[in-house]
């Protein structure tokens, strides 16, 4: 039981890192899409 708990404890920081990377990629994709739409169809 202790070994399982230790493994979970060790993986938590990795999980948090993966979540941050994923959120960053999603934000970048959203920003790139916004810029691409502005370039393709500029208004004004």
PDB file of N, CA and C in Angstrom:
ATOM      1  N   UNK A   1       0.815  -1.191   0.000  1.00  0.00           N
ATOM      2  CA  UNK A   1       0.000   0.000   0.000  1.00  0.00           C
ATOM      3  C   UNK A   1       0.863   1.261   0.000  1.00  0.00           C
ATOM      4  N   UNK A   2       1.947   1.233   0.760  1.00  0.00           N
ATOM      5  CA  UNK A   2       2.832   2.394   0.840  1.00  0.00           C
ATOM      6  C   UNK A   2       3.490   2.653  -0.514  1.00  0.00           C
ATOM      7  N   UNK A   3       3.850   1.577  -1.213  1.00  0.00           N
ATOM      8  CA  UNK A   3       4.495   1.740  -2.518  1.00  0.00           C
ATOM      9  C   UNK A   3       3.551   2.424  -3.512  1.00  0.00           C
ATOM     10  N   UNK A   4       2.287   2.053  -3.472  1.00  0.00           N
ATOM     11  CA  UNK A   4       1.300   2.664  -4.367  1.00  0.00           C
ATOM     12  C   UNK A   4       1.156   4.142  -4.037  1.00  0.00           C
ATOM     13  N   UNK A   5       1.083   4.474  -2.774  1.00  0.00           N
ATOM     14  CA  UNK A   5       0.956   5.869  -2.345  1.00  0.00           C
ATOM     15  C   UNK A   5       2.167   6.676  -2.788  1.00  0.00           C
ATOM     16  N   UNK A   6       3.363   6.106  -2.644  1.00  0.00           N
ATOM     17  CA  UNK A   6       4.591   6.800  -3.058  1.00  0.00           C
ATOM     18  C   UNK A   6       4.584   7.048  -4.567  1.00  0.00           C
ATOM     19  N   UNK A   7       4.118   6.063  -5.324  1.00  0.00           N
ATOM     20  CA  UNK A   7       4.075   6.219  -6.781  1.00  0.00           C
ATOM     21  C   UNK A   7       3.121   7.352  -7.162  1.00  0.00           C
ATOM     22  N   UNK A   8       1.965   7.394  -6.536  1.00  0.00           N
ATOM     23  CA  UNK A   8       1.002   8.467  -6.801  1.00  0.00           C
ATOM     24  C   UNK A   8       1.604   9.810  -6.415  1.00  0.00           C
ATOM     25  N   UNK A   9       2.270   9.856  -5.292  1.00  0.00           N
ATOM     26  CA  UNK A   9       2.893  11.095  -4.819  1.00  0.00           C
ATOM     27  C   UNK A   9       3.950  11.588  -5.812  1.00  0.00           C
ATOM     28  N   UNK A  10       4.686  10.660  -6.410  1.00  0.00           N
ATOM     29  CA  UNK A  10       5.731  11.035  -7.365  1.00  0.00           C
ATOM     30  C   UNK A  10       5.139  11.511  -8.688  1.00  0.00           C
ATOM     31  N   UNK A  11       3.988  10.979  -9.080  1.00  0.00           N
ATOM     32  CA  UNK A  11       3.405  11.312 -10.377  1.00  0.00           C
ATOM     33  C   UNK A  11       2.599  12.606 -10.363  1.00  0.00           C
ATOM     34  N   UNK A  12       2.173  13.074  -9.213  1.00  0.00           N
ATOM     35  CA  UNK A  12       1.358  14.289  -9.145  1.00  0.00           C
ATOM     36  C   UNK A  12       2.035  15.507  -9.781  1.00  0.00           C
ATOM     37  N   UNK A  13       3.313  15.783  -9.496  1.00  0.00           N
ATOM     38  CA  UNK A  13       3.950  16.941 -10.146  1.00  0.00           C
ATOM     39  C   UNK A  13       4.006  16.798 -11.666  1.00  0.00           C
ATOM     40  N   UNK A  14       4.190  15.584 -12.150  1.00  0.00           N
ATOM     41  CA  UNK A  14       4.231  15.343 -13.593  1.00  0.00           C
ATOM     42  C   UNK A  14       2.859  15.618 -14.199  1.00  0.00           C
ATOM     43  N   UNK A  15       1.805  15.182 -13.517  1.00  0.00           N
ATOM     44  CA  UNK A  15       0.447  15.435 -13.996  1.00  0.00           C
ATOM     45  C   UNK A  15       0.167  16.928 -14.085  1.00  0.00           C
ATOM     46  N   UNK A  16       0.608  17.672 -13.081  1.00  0.00           N
ATOM     47  CA  UNK A  16       0.391  19.120 -13.085  1.00  0.00           C
ATOM     48  C   UNK A  16       1.148  19.774 -14.235  1.00  0.00           C
ATOM     49  N   UNK A  17       2.360  19.307 -14.498  1.00  0.00           N
ATOM     50  CA  UNK A  17       3.150  19.835 -15.606  1.00  0.00           C
ATOM     51  C   UNK A  17       2.452  19.566 -16.935  1.00  0.00           C
ATOM     52  N   UNK A  18       1.952  18.357 -17.108  1.00  0.00           N
ATOM     53  CA  UNK A  18       1.257  17.995 -18.345  1.00  0.00           C
ATOM     54  C   UNK A  18       0.018  18.866 -18.535  1.00  0.00           C
ATOM     55  N   UNK A  19      -0.710  19.132 -17.452  1.00  0.00           N
ATOM     56  CA  UNK A  19      -1.890  19.998 -17.542  1.00  0.00           C
ATOM     57  C   UNK A  19      -1.506  21.406 -17.985  1.00  0.00           C
ATOM     58  N   UNK A  20      -0.400  21.930 -17.452  1.00  0.00           N
ATOM     59  CA  UNK A  20       0.042  23.278 -17.835  1.00  0.00           C
ATOM     60  C   UNK A  20       0.466  23.322 -19.298  1.00  0.00           C
ATOM     61  N   UNK A  21       1.175  22.293 -19.745  1.00  0.00           N
ATOM     62  CA  UNK A  21       1.607  22.234 -21.145  1.00  0.00           C
ATOM     63  C   UNK A  21       0.392  22.172 -22.062  1.00  0.00           C
ATOM     64  N   UNK A  22      -0.569  21.362 -21.695  1.00  0.00           N
ATOM     65  CA  UNK A  22      -1.778  21.220 -22.500  1.00  0.00           C
ATOM     66  C   UNK A  22      -2.544  22.547 -22.582  1.00  0.00           C
ATOM     67  N   UNK A  23      -2.684  23.227 -21.457  1.00  0.00           N
ATOM     68  CA  UNK A  23      -3.378  24.520 -21.436  1.00  0.00           C
ATOM     69  C   UNK A  23      -2.631  25.545 -22.286  1.00  0.00           C
ATOM     70  N   UNK A  24      -1.309  25.517 -22.215  1.00  0.00           N
ATOM     71  CA  UNK A  24      -0.498  26.438 -23.003  1.00  0.00           C
ATOM     72  C   UNK A  24      -0.684  26.176 -24.500  1.00  0.00           C
ATOM     73  N   UNK A  25      -0.705  24.913 -24.886  1.00  0.00           N
ATOM     74  CA  UNK A  25      -0.894  24.561 -26.299  1.00  0.00           C
ATOM     75  C   UNK A  25      -2.270  25.001 -26.782  1.00  0.00           C
ATOM     76  N   UNK A  26      -3.287  24.817 -25.942  1.00  0.00           N
ATOM     77  CA  UNK A  26      -4.639  25.231 -26.322  1.00  0.00           C
ATOM     78  C   UNK A  26      -4.710  26.743 -26.492  1.00  0.00           C
ATOM     79  N   UNK A  27      -4.076  27.476 -25.597  1.00  0.00           N
ATOM     80  CA  UNK A  27      -4.075  28.939 -25.689  1.00  0.00           C
ATOM     81  C   UNK A  27      -3.337  29.396 -26.943  1.00  0.00           C
ATOM     82  N   UNK A  28      -2.228  28.748 -27.249  1.00  0.00           N
ATOM     83  CA  UNK A  28      -1.454  29.099 -28.444  1.00  0.00           C
ATOM     84  C   UNK A  28      -2.260  28.821 -29.704  1.00  0.00           C
ATOM     85  N   UNK A  29      -2.931  27.688 -29.747  1.00  0.00           N
ATOM     86  CA  UNK A  29      -3.760  27.344 -30.900  1.00  0.00           C
ATOM     87  C   UNK A  29      -4.869  28.370 -31.086  1.00  0.00           C
ATOM     88  N   UNK A  30      -5.492  28.758 -29.994  1.00  0.00           N
ATOM     89  CA  UNK A  30      -6.571  29.743 -30.062  1.00  0.00           C
ATOM     90  C   UNK A  30      -6.043  31.090 -30.570  1.00  0.00           C
ATOM     91  N   UNK A  31      -4.899  31.507 -30.071  1.00  0.00           N
ATOM     92  CA  UNK A  31      -4.305  32.778 -30.499  1.00  0.00           C
ATOM     93  C   UNK A  31      -3.903  32.723 -31.967  1.00  0.00           C
ATOM     94  N   UNK A  32      -3.320  31.617 -32.391  1.00  0.00           N
ATOM     95  CA  UNK A  32      -2.915  31.477 -33.794  1.00  0.00           C
ATOM     96  C   UNK A  32      -4.125  31.509 -34.722  1.00  0.00           C
ATOM     97  N   UNK A  33      -5.212  30.884 -34.305  1.00  0.00           N
ATOM     98  CA  UNK A  33      -6.436  30.894 -35.098  1.00  0.00           C
ATOM     99  C   UNK A  33      -6.970  32.311 -35.225  1.00  0.00           C
ATOM    100  N   UNK A  34      -6.954  33.039 -34.135  1.00  0.00           N
ATOM    101  CA  UNK A  34      -7.432  34.426 -34.131  1.00  0.00           C
ATOM    102  C   UNK A  34      -6.604  35.283 -35.095  1.00  0.00           C
ATOM    103  N   UNK A  35      -5.294  35.145 -35.021  1.00  0.00           N
ATOM    104  CA  UNK A  35      -4.406  35.921 -35.895  1.00  0.00           C
ATOM    105  C   UNK A  35      -4.615  35.521 -37.350  1.00  0.00           C
ATOM    106  N   UNK A  36      -4.743  34.239 -37.602  1.00  0.00           N
ATOM    107  CA  UNK A  36      -4.944  33.766 -38.975  1.00  0.00           C
ATOM    108  C   UNK A  36      -6.240  34.320 -39.549  1.00  0.00           C
ATOM    109  N   UNK A  37      -7.288  34.356 -38.760  1.00  0.00           N
ATOM    110  CA  UNK A  37      -8.559  34.897 -39.241  1.00  0.00           C
ATOM    111  C   UNK A  37      -8.438  36.388 -39.547  1.00  0.00           C
ATOM    112  N   UNK A  38      -7.683  37.103 -38.748  1.00  0.00           N
ATOM    113  CA  UNK A  38      -7.482  38.532 -38.984  1.00  0.00           C
ATOM    114  C   UNK A  38      -6.694  38.767 -40.272  1.00  0.00           C
ATOM    115  N   UNK A  39      -5.720  37.917 -40.540  1.00  0.00           N
ATOM    116  CA  UNK A  39      -4.889  38.062 -41.743  1.00  0.00           C
ATOM    117  C   UNK A  39      -5.694  37.705 -42.988  1.00  0.00           C
ATOM    118  N   UNK A  40      -6.501  36.659 -42.894  1.00  0.00           N
ATOM    119  CA  UNK A  40      -7.276  36.196 -44.046  1.00  0.00           C
ATOM    120  C   UNK A  40      -8.376  37.195 -44.403  1.00  0.00           C
ATOM    121  N   UNK A  41      -9.071  37.710 -43.401  1.00  0.00           N
ATOM    122  CA  UNK A  41     -10.189  38.615 -43.687  1.00  0.00           C
ATOM    123  C   UNK A  41     -10.077  39.898 -42.864  1.00  0.00           C
ATOM    124  N   UNK A  42      -9.136  40.772 -43.225  1.00  0.00           N
ATOM    125  CA  UNK A  42      -9.008  42.024 -42.476  1.00  0.00           C
ATOM    126  C   UNK A  42     -10.204  42.932 -42.735  1.00  0.00           C
ATOM    127  N   UNK A  43     -10.646  43.589 -41.688  1.00  0.00           N
ATOM    128  CA  UNK A  43     -11.769  44.527 -41.819  1.00  0.00           C
ATOM    129  C   UNK A  43     -11.241  45.943 -41.693  1.00  0.00           C
ATOM    130  N   UNK A  44     -11.853  46.864 -42.443  1.00  0.00           N
ATOM    131  CA  UNK A  44     -11.487  48.266 -42.294  1.00  0.00           C
ATOM    132  C   UNK A  44     -10.578  48.694 -43.321  1.00  0.00           C
TER     133      UNK A  44
END
